[in-house]
Amino acid sequence: MNRLLAFIACLFICSSPINAETIAVIGTGNVGAALGPEFAALGHEVIYGSRNPSSEKVTTLVERTGHGARATQPVDAAAKAEIVVLAVPGMLVKDIVTGLGDLSGKVVVDPTNPLIRRDDGKLGIGISGSNAELIQAAVPGAHVVKAFNTLGWRTMVDPESTGGPVSIPLVGDSGAAKARIAEIVASMGLEPIDVGPLRNAPHVEGLAVLLLNNAFGGGPNFEFHLRQYPLR
């Protein structure tokens, strides 16, 4: 059913140039390679940012993505896009985002988690605060939205594989930016939910620690579904 809803949404979104966005996906690892084709299939123009845009790996990804997707250097991809998705290693995000040039006025989507391996072998948060807040401080003229950090890349590609609804918590200080990303999330067959301003980002990044430690530690695998209900 989620895929059917996404298809119906795409009939409207993909046919309307007003809703089509140019999206730079910085990084071509698992997350970038999952999100890029999904965005392109919904009618968005996808530009991958890679240090090696002509490599076989990236060329194959561009071909698989189709829909006019292309790859270039990260700074050039960001310059051409309205939305910049940082599909990069969480502990490197500050250095990467500061190398992308002027991002003023752009929506910067942060799907990263600043993870480290603790002494007990489990994953933990490796910074004070959150990556989303760190990115916003580095590019104050941009509109940072935390999204896609609380689910695995396989679920990004196939939400129905989980057997039920999957929520995507969104945090950010710009309501308009969150609304743009929420539209994309819903079109992918996922459920966006606004959980407040950027100061809430540490809590959202903490959710990823719970998910990943279970997934890699032998616990039951899960995805988050935040059930909404009206206040009485």
C-alpha atoms as a PDB file:
ATOM      1  CA  MET A   1       0.000   0.000   0.000  1.00  0.00           C
ATOM      2  CA  ASN A   2       2.849   2.412   0.789  1.00  0.00           C
ATOM      3  CA  ARG A   3       4.257   1.903  -2.705  1.00  0.00           C
ATOM      4  CA  LEU A   4       0.810   2.475  -4.217  1.00  0.00           C
ATOM      5  CA  LEU A   5       0.478   5.740  -2.294  1.00  0.00           C
ATOM      6  CA  ALA A   6       3.962   6.783  -3.420  1.00  0.00           C
ATOM      7  CA  PHE A   7       3.046   6.003  -7.032  1.00  0.00           C
ATOM      8  CA  ILE A   8      -0.148   8.041  -6.788  1.00  0.00           C
ATOM      9  CA  ALA A   9       1.785  10.926  -5.205  1.00  0.00           C
ATOM     10  CA  CYS A  10       4.358  10.709  -7.959  1.00  0.00           C
ATOM     11  CA  LEU A  11       1.653  11.089 -10.619  1.00  0.00           C
ATOM     12  CA  PHE A  12       1.068  14.553  -9.224  1.00  0.00           C
ATOM     13  CA  ILE A  13       4.553  15.529  -8.090  1.00  0.00           C
ATOM     14  CA  CYS A  14       6.482  14.235 -11.094  1.00  0.00           C
ATOM     15  CA  SER A  15       4.132  15.933 -13.528  1.00  0.00           C
ATOM     16  CA  SER A  16       4.382  19.298 -11.801  1.00  0.00           C
ATOM     17  CA  PRO A  17       7.622  21.187 -12.379  1.00  0.00           C
ATOM     18  CA  ILE A  18       6.736  23.507  -9.492  1.00  0.00           C
ATOM     19  CA  ASN A  19       7.379  20.627  -7.033  1.00  0.00           C
ATOM     20  CA  ALA A  20      10.433  19.215  -8.781  1.00  0.00           C
ATOM     21  CA  GLU A  21      13.668  19.976  -6.944  1.00  0.00           C
ATOM     22  CA  THR A  22      17.305  19.832  -7.956  1.00  0.00           C
ATOM     23  CA  ILE A  23      18.922  17.664  -5.305  1.00  0.00           C
ATOM     24  CA  ALA A  24      22.650  17.261  -4.755  1.00  0.00           C
ATOM     25  CA  VAL A  25      23.422  13.957  -3.068  1.00  0.00           C
ATOM     26  CA  ILE A  26      26.883  14.368  -1.572  1.00  0.00           C
ATOM     27  CA  GLY A  27      28.331  10.890  -1.193  1.00  0.00           C
ATOM     28  CA  THR A  28      27.743   7.669  -3.091  1.00  0.00           C
ATOM     29  CA  GLY A  29      27.886   5.075  -0.325  1.00  0.00           C
ATOM     30  CA  ASN A  30      24.916   3.032   0.871  1.00  0.00           C
ATOM     31  CA  VAL A  31      22.794   6.012   1.906  1.00  0.00           C
ATOM     32  CA  GLY A  32      23.515   8.141  -1.161  1.00  0.00           C
ATOM     33  CA  ALA A  33      23.011   5.157  -3.465  1.00  0.00           C
ATOM     34  CA  ALA A  34      19.665   4.447  -1.799  1.00  0.00           C
ATOM     35  CA  LEU A  35      18.275   7.988  -1.698  1.00  0.00           C
ATOM     36  CA  GLY A  36      19.473   9.232  -5.095  1.00  0.00           C
ATOM     37  CA  PRO A  37      17.517   6.741  -7.239  1.00  0.00           C
ATOM     38  CA  GLU A  38      14.425   7.238  -5.070  1.00  0.00           C
ATOM     39  CA  PHE A  39      14.555  11.008  -5.549  1.00  0.00           C
ATOM     40  CA  ALA A  40      15.084  10.647  -9.295  1.00  0.00           C
ATOM     41  CA  ALA A  41      12.181   8.214  -9.653  1.00  0.00           C
ATOM     42  CA  LEU A  42       9.928  10.865  -8.096  1.00  0.00           C
ATOM     43  CA  GLY A  43      10.862  13.394 -10.771  1.00  0.00           C
ATOM     44  CA  HIS A  44      13.622  15.306  -9.008  1.00  0.00           C
ATOM     45  CA  GLU A  45      16.876  16.184 -10.765  1.00  0.00           C
ATOM     46  CA  VAL A  46      19.699  14.337  -9.002  1.00  0.00           C
ATOM     47  CA  ILE A  47      23.341  15.405  -9.058  1.00  0.00           C
ATOM     48  CA  TYR A  48      25.767  13.191  -7.189  1.00  0.00           C
ATOM     49  CA  GLY A  49      28.737  14.842  -5.540  1.00  0.00           C
ATOM     50  CA  SER A  50      31.788  12.596  -5.535  1.00  0.00           C
ATOM     51  CA  ARG A  51      35.548  13.071  -5.301  1.00  0.00           C
ATOM     52  CA  ASN A  52      35.791  10.560  -8.165  1.00  0.00           C
ATOM     53  CA  PRO A  53      32.744  11.256 -10.347  1.00  0.00           C
ATOM     54  CA  SER A  54      34.106   9.289 -13.311  1.00  0.00           C
ATOM     55  CA  SER A  55      34.874   6.131 -11.309  1.00  0.00           C
ATOM     56  CA  GLU A  56      33.194   2.880 -12.280  1.00  0.00           C
ATOM     57  CA  LYS A  57      31.231   2.807  -9.030  1.00  0.00           C
ATOM     58  CA  VAL A  58      29.779   6.270  -9.534  1.00  0.00           C
ATOM     59  CA  THR A  59      29.165   5.779 -13.243  1.00  0.00           C
ATOM     60  CA  THR A  60      27.224   2.610 -12.475  1.00  0.00           C
ATOM     61  CA  LEU A  61      25.157   4.443  -9.859  1.00  0.00           C
ATOM     62  CA  VAL A  62      24.352   7.269 -12.280  1.00  0.00           C
ATOM     63  CA  GLU A  63      23.259   4.754 -14.914  1.00  0.00           C
ATOM     64  CA  ARG A  64      21.113   2.904 -12.390  1.00  0.00           C
ATOM     65  CA  THR A  65      19.554   6.156 -11.204  1.00  0.00           C
ATOM     66  CA  GLY A  66      18.598   7.254 -14.724  1.00  0.00           C
ATOM     67  CA  HIS A  67      16.195  10.169 -15.227  1.00  0.00           C
ATOM     68  CA  GLY A  68      19.022  12.474 -16.314  1.00  0.00           C
ATOM     69  CA  ALA A  69      21.095  12.008 -13.162  1.00  0.00           C
ATOM     70  CA  ARG A  70      24.756  12.985 -13.331  1.00  0.00           C
ATOM     71  CA  ALA A  71      27.839  13.212 -11.127  1.00  0.00           C
ATOM     72  CA  THR A  72      30.405  15.913 -10.534  1.00  0.00           C
ATOM     73  CA  GLN A  73      32.668  17.228  -7.782  1.00  0.00           C
ATOM     74  CA  PRO A  74      30.835  17.866  -4.468  1.00  0.00           C
ATOM     75  CA  VAL A  75      31.242  21.650  -4.533  1.00  0.00           C
ATOM     76  CA  ASP A  76      29.869  21.831  -8.087  1.00  0.00           C
ATOM     77  CA  ALA A  77      26.935  19.559  -7.273  1.00  0.00           C
ATOM     78  CA  ALA A  78      26.008  21.701  -4.266  1.00  0.00           C
ATOM     79  CA  ALA A  79      26.225  24.913  -6.289  1.00  0.00           C
ATOM     80  CA  LYS A  80      23.679  23.630  -8.817  1.00  0.00           C
ATOM     81  CA  ALA A  81      21.161  22.302  -6.294  1.00  0.00           C
ATOM     82  CA  GLU A  82      18.305  23.694  -4.232  1.00  0.00           C
ATOM     83  CA  ILE A  83      18.532  20.827  -1.732  1.00  0.00           C
ATOM     84  CA  VAL A  84      21.841  19.335  -0.575  1.00  0.00           C
ATOM     85  CA  VAL A  85      21.809  15.898   1.064  1.00  0.00           C
ATOM     86  CA  LEU A  86      24.890  15.039   3.126  1.00  0.00           C
ATOM     87  CA  ALA A  87      25.115  11.265   2.654  1.00  0.00           C
ATOM     88  CA  VAL A  88      28.599  11.195   4.178  1.00  0.00           C
ATOM     89  CA  PRO A  89      30.357   9.668   7.216  1.00  0.00           C
ATOM     90  CA  GLY A  90      28.966  11.242  10.359  1.00  0.00           C
ATOM     91  CA  MET A  91      32.269  12.105  12.004  1.00  0.00           C
ATOM     92  CA  LEU A  92      33.517  13.904   8.878  1.00  0.00           C
ATOM     93  CA  VAL A  93      30.450  16.013   8.198  1.00  0.00           C
ATOM     94  CA  LYS A  94      31.830  19.368   9.405  1.00  0.00           C
ATOM     95  CA  ASP A  95      34.889  19.232   7.162  1.00  0.00           C
ATOM     96  CA  ILE A  96      32.783  18.097   4.212  1.00  0.00           C
ATOM     97  CA  VAL A  97      30.040  20.701   4.528  1.00  0.00           C
ATOM     98  CA  THR A  98      32.499  23.570   4.901  1.00  0.00           C
ATOM     99  CA  GLY A  99      34.076  22.487   1.607  1.00  0.00           C
ATOM    100  CA  LEU A 100      30.826  22.818  -0.342  1.00  0.00           C
ATOM    101  CA  GLY A 101      30.973  26.565  -0.895  1.00  0.00           C
ATOM    102  CA  ASP A 102      28.183  29.042  -0.177  1.00  0.00           C
ATOM    103  CA  LEU A 103      25.024  27.147   0.828  1.00  0.00           C
ATOM    104  CA  SER A 104      23.017  30.235   1.770  1.00  0.00           C
ATOM    105  CA  GLY A 105      19.308  29.817   1.112  1.00  0.00           C
ATOM    106  CA  LYS A 106      19.610  26.093   0.366  1.00  0.00           C
ATOM    107  CA  VAL A 107      17.979  23.293   2.313  1.00  0.00           C
ATOM    108  CA  VAL A 108      20.686  21.033   3.731  1.00  0.00           C
ATOM    109  CA  VAL A 109      19.431  17.577   4.678  1.00  0.00           C
ATOM    110  CA  ASP A 110      21.411  15.794   7.371  1.00  0.00           C
ATOM    111  CA  PRO A 111      20.934  11.998   7.454  1.00  0.00           C
ATOM    112  CA  THR A 112      24.179  11.473   9.386  1.00  0.00           C
ATOM    113  CA  ASN A 113      24.932  10.211  12.876  1.00  0.00           C
ATOM    114  CA  PRO A 114      28.236  11.051  14.653  1.00  0.00           C
ATOM    115  CA  LEU A 115      28.922   7.511  15.769  1.00  0.00           C
ATOM    116  CA  ILE A 116      31.936   6.075  17.537  1.00  0.00           C
ATOM    117  CA  ARG A 117      32.705   2.607  18.899  1.00  0.00           C
ATOM    118  CA  ARG A 118      32.681   2.642  22.708  1.00  0.00           C
ATOM    119  CA  ASP A 119      34.958   0.615  24.973  1.00  0.00           C
ATOM    120  CA  ASP A 120      32.203  -1.976  25.413  1.00  0.00           C
ATOM    121  CA  GLY A 121      32.012  -2.501  21.658  1.00  0.00           C
ATOM    122  CA  LYS A 122      28.676  -0.712  21.303  1.00  0.00           C
ATOM    123  CA  LEU A 123      28.047   2.385  19.213  1.00  0.00           C
ATOM    124  CA  GLY A 124      27.665   5.776  20.847  1.00  0.00           C
ATOM    125  CA  ILE A 125      27.479   9.469  19.967  1.00  0.00           C
ATOM    126  CA  GLY A 126      30.975  10.862  19.437  1.00  0.00           C
ATOM    127  CA  ILE A 127      30.366  14.597  19.835  1.00  0.00           C
ATOM    128  CA  SER A 128      28.746  17.036  22.198  1.00  0.00           C
ATOM    129  CA  GLY A 129      25.426  18.221  20.809  1.00  0.00           C
ATOM    130  CA  SER A 130      24.451  16.945  17.374  1.00  0.00           C
ATOM    131  CA  ASN A 131      25.652  16.854  13.791  1.00  0.00           C
ATOM    132  CA  ALA A 132      22.619  18.850  12.685  1.00  0.00           C
ATOM    133  CA  GLU A 133      23.500  21.729  15.028  1.00  0.00           C
ATOM    134  CA  LEU A 134      27.163  21.499  14.028  1.00  0.00           C
ATOM    135  CA  ILE A 135      26.206  21.777  10.340  1.00  0.00           C
ATOM    136  CA  GLN A 136      23.897  24.727  10.965  1.00  0.00           C
ATOM    137  CA  ALA A 137      26.686  26.561  12.807  1.00  0.00           C
ATOM    138  CA  ALA A 138      29.072  25.872   9.909  1.00  0.00           C
ATOM    139  CA  VAL A 139      26.618  27.116   7.249  1.00  0.00           C
ATOM    140  CA  PRO A 140      24.396  29.630   9.068  1.00  0.00           C
ATOM    141  CA  GLY A 141      22.749  30.880   5.881  1.00  0.00           C
ATOM    142  CA  ALA A 142      21.376  27.430   5.016  1.00  0.00           C
ATOM    143  CA  HIS A 143      18.251  25.723   6.350  1.00  0.00           C
ATOM    144  CA  VAL A 144      19.324  22.457   7.974  1.00  0.00           C
ATOM    145  CA  VAL A 145      16.790  19.642   8.279  1.00  0.00           C
ATOM    146  CA  LYS A 146      17.640  16.421  10.095  1.00  0.00           C
ATOM    147  CA  ALA A 147      16.022  13.512   8.234  1.00  0.00           C
ATOM    148  CA  PHE A 148      16.585   9.899   7.158  1.00  0.00           C
ATOM    149  CA  ASN A 149      19.017   9.166  10.008  1.00  0.00           C
ATOM    150  CA  THR A 150      16.787   6.742  11.920  1.00  0.00           C
ATOM    151  CA  LEU A 151      16.324   4.004   9.318  1.00  0.00           C
ATOM    152  CA  GLY A 152      18.520   1.648   7.351  1.00  0.00           C
ATOM    153  CA  TRP A 153      19.316   2.221   3.694  1.00  0.00           C
ATOM    154  CA  ARG A 154      17.424  -0.940   2.697  1.00  0.00           C
ATOM    155  CA  THR A 155      14.238   0.524   4.166  1.00  0.00           C
ATOM    156  CA  MET A 156      14.794   3.733   2.190  1.00  0.00           C
ATOM    157  CA  VAL A 157      14.641   1.633  -0.965  1.00  0.00           C
ATOM    158  CA  ASP A 158      11.778  -0.643   0.101  1.00  0.00           C
ATOM    159  CA  PRO A 159       9.672   0.673   3.023  1.00  0.00           C
ATOM    160  CA  GLU A 160       7.186  -2.186   2.632  1.00  0.00           C
ATOM    161  CA  SER A 161       9.886  -4.696   3.553  1.00  0.00           C
ATOM    162  CA  THR A 162       9.404  -3.781   7.224  1.00  0.00           C
ATOM    163  CA  GLY A 163       5.788  -4.933   7.203  1.00  0.00           C
ATOM    164  CA  GLY A 164       4.329  -1.646   8.403  1.00  0.00           C
ATOM    165  CA  PRO A 165       4.605   2.146   8.481  1.00  0.00           C
ATOM    166  CA  VAL A 166       8.004   3.760   9.029  1.00  0.00           C
ATOM    167  CA  SER A 167       8.313   7.272  10.470  1.00  0.00           C
ATOM    168  CA  ILE A 168      10.961   9.813   9.514  1.00  0.00           C
ATOM    169  CA  PRO A 169      11.474  12.346  12.343  1.00  0.00           C
ATOM    170  CA  LEU A 170      12.274  15.816  11.017  1.00  0.00           C
ATOM    171  CA  VAL A 171      14.005  18.505  13.051  1.00  0.00           C
ATOM    172  CA  GLY A 172      14.918  21.979  11.896  1.00  0.00           C
ATOM    173  CA  ASP A 173      14.385  25.642  12.641  1.00  0.00           C
ATOM    174  CA  SER A 174      12.704  26.418   9.298  1.00  0.00           C
ATOM    175  CA  GLY A 175       9.122  25.241   8.984  1.00  0.00           C
ATOM    176  CA  ALA A 176       9.161  25.858   5.246  1.00  0.00           C
ATOM    177  CA  ALA A 177      12.292  23.747   4.764  1.00  0.00           C
ATOM    178  CA  LYS A 178      10.817  20.909   6.814  1.00  0.00           C
ATOM    179  CA  ALA A 179       7.631  21.049   4.744  1.00  0.00           C
ATOM    180  CA  ARG A 180       9.644  20.629   1.521  1.00  0.00           C
ATOM    181  CA  ILE A 181      11.451  17.598   2.898  1.00  0.00           C
ATOM    182  CA  ALA A 182       8.234  16.174   4.354  1.00  0.00           C
ATOM    183  CA  GLU A 183       6.703  16.198   0.865  1.00  0.00           C
ATOM    184  CA  ILE A 184       9.632  14.203  -0.491  1.00  0.00           C
ATOM    185  CA  VAL A 185       9.523  11.765   2.442  1.00  0.00           C
ATOM    186  CA  ALA A 186       5.797  11.113   1.977  1.00  0.00           C
ATOM    187  CA  SER A 187       6.278  10.575  -1.758  1.00  0.00           C
ATOM    188  CA  MET A 188       8.763   7.805  -0.938  1.00  0.00           C
ATOM    189  CA  GLY A 189       6.131   5.852   0.987  1.00  0.00           C
ATOM    190  CA  LEU A 190       7.479   6.918   4.386  1.00  0.00           C
ATOM    191  CA  GLU A 191       5.768   8.958   7.111  1.00  0.00           C
ATOM    192  CA  PRO A 192       7.294  12.358   7.977  1.00  0.00           C
ATOM    193  CA  ILE A 193       6.743  13.703  11.458  1.00  0.00           C
ATOM    194  CA  ASP A 194       7.902  17.117  12.669  1.00  0.00           C
ATOM    195  CA  VAL A 195       9.553  16.726  16.062  1.00  0.00           C
ATOM    196  CA  GLY A 196      10.617  20.325  16.525  1.00  0.00           C
ATOM    197  CA  PRO A 197      13.628  22.637  16.188  1.00  0.00           C
ATOM    198  CA  LEU A 198      17.305  21.770  15.785  1.00  0.00           C
ATOM    199  CA  ARG A 199      17.880  21.718  19.529  1.00  0.00           C
ATOM    200  CA  ASN A 200      16.004  18.388  19.491  1.00  0.00           C
ATOM    201  CA  ALA A 201      18.499  16.832  17.062  1.00  0.00           C
ATOM    202  CA  PRO A 202      20.570  15.085  19.790  1.00  0.00           C
ATOM    203  CA  HIS A 203      17.503  13.087  20.774  1.00  0.00           C
ATOM    204  CA  VAL A 204      16.859  12.054  17.159  1.00  0.00           C
ATOM    205  CA  GLU A 205      20.491  11.029  16.661  1.00  0.00           C
ATOM    206  CA  GLY A 206      20.207   8.988  19.846  1.00  0.00           C
ATOM    207  CA  LEU A 207      17.384   6.979  18.272  1.00  0.00           C
ATOM    208  CA  ALA A 208      19.851   5.781  15.630  1.00  0.00           C
ATOM    209  CA  VAL A 209      22.170   4.468  18.354  1.00  0.00           C
ATOM    210  CA  LEU A 210      19.362   2.293  19.731  1.00  0.00           C
ATOM    211  CA  LEU A 211      18.437   0.992  16.282  1.00  0.00           C
ATOM    212  CA  LEU A 212      21.983   0.194  15.177  1.00  0.00           C
ATOM    213  CA  ASN A 213      23.118  -1.395  18.434  1.00  0.00           C
ATOM    214  CA  ASN A 214      20.167  -3.750  18.226  1.00  0.00           C
ATOM    215  CA  ALA A 215      20.727  -4.464  14.536  1.00  0.00           C
ATOM    216  CA  PHE A 216      24.421  -5.276  14.970  1.00  0.00           C
ATOM    217  CA  GLY A 217      24.237  -6.682  18.490  1.00  0.00           C
ATOM    218  CA  GLY A 218      21.854  -9.565  18.027  1.00  0.00           C
ATOM    219  CA  GLY A 219      18.779  -7.769  19.347  1.00  0.00           C
ATOM    220  CA  PRO A 220      15.497  -7.651  17.450  1.00  0.00           C
ATOM    221  CA  ASN A 221      15.698  -5.473  14.334  1.00  0.00           C
ATOM    222  CA  PHE A 222      13.196  -2.639  14.177  1.00  0.00           C
ATOM    223  CA  GLU A 223      12.287   0.610  12.466  1.00  0.00           C
ATOM    224  CA  PHE A 224      10.555   3.534  14.142  1.00  0.00           C
ATOM    225  CA  HIS A 225       6.840   4.200  13.765  1.00  0.00           C
ATOM    226  CA  LEU A 226       5.699   7.243  15.725  1.00  0.00           C
ATOM    227  CA  ARG A 227       1.918   6.963  15.838  1.00  0.00           C
ATOM    228  CA  GLN A 228       0.247  10.359  15.729  1.00  0.00           C
ATOM    229  CA  TYR A 229      -3.044  11.072  17.480  1.00  0.00           C
ATOM    230  CA  PRO A 230      -5.145  14.216  18.028  1.00  0.00           C
ATOM    231  CA  LEU A 231      -4.873  16.063  21.319  1.00  0.00           C
ATOM    232  CA  ARG A 232      -8.052  16.039  23.370  1.00  0.00           C
END
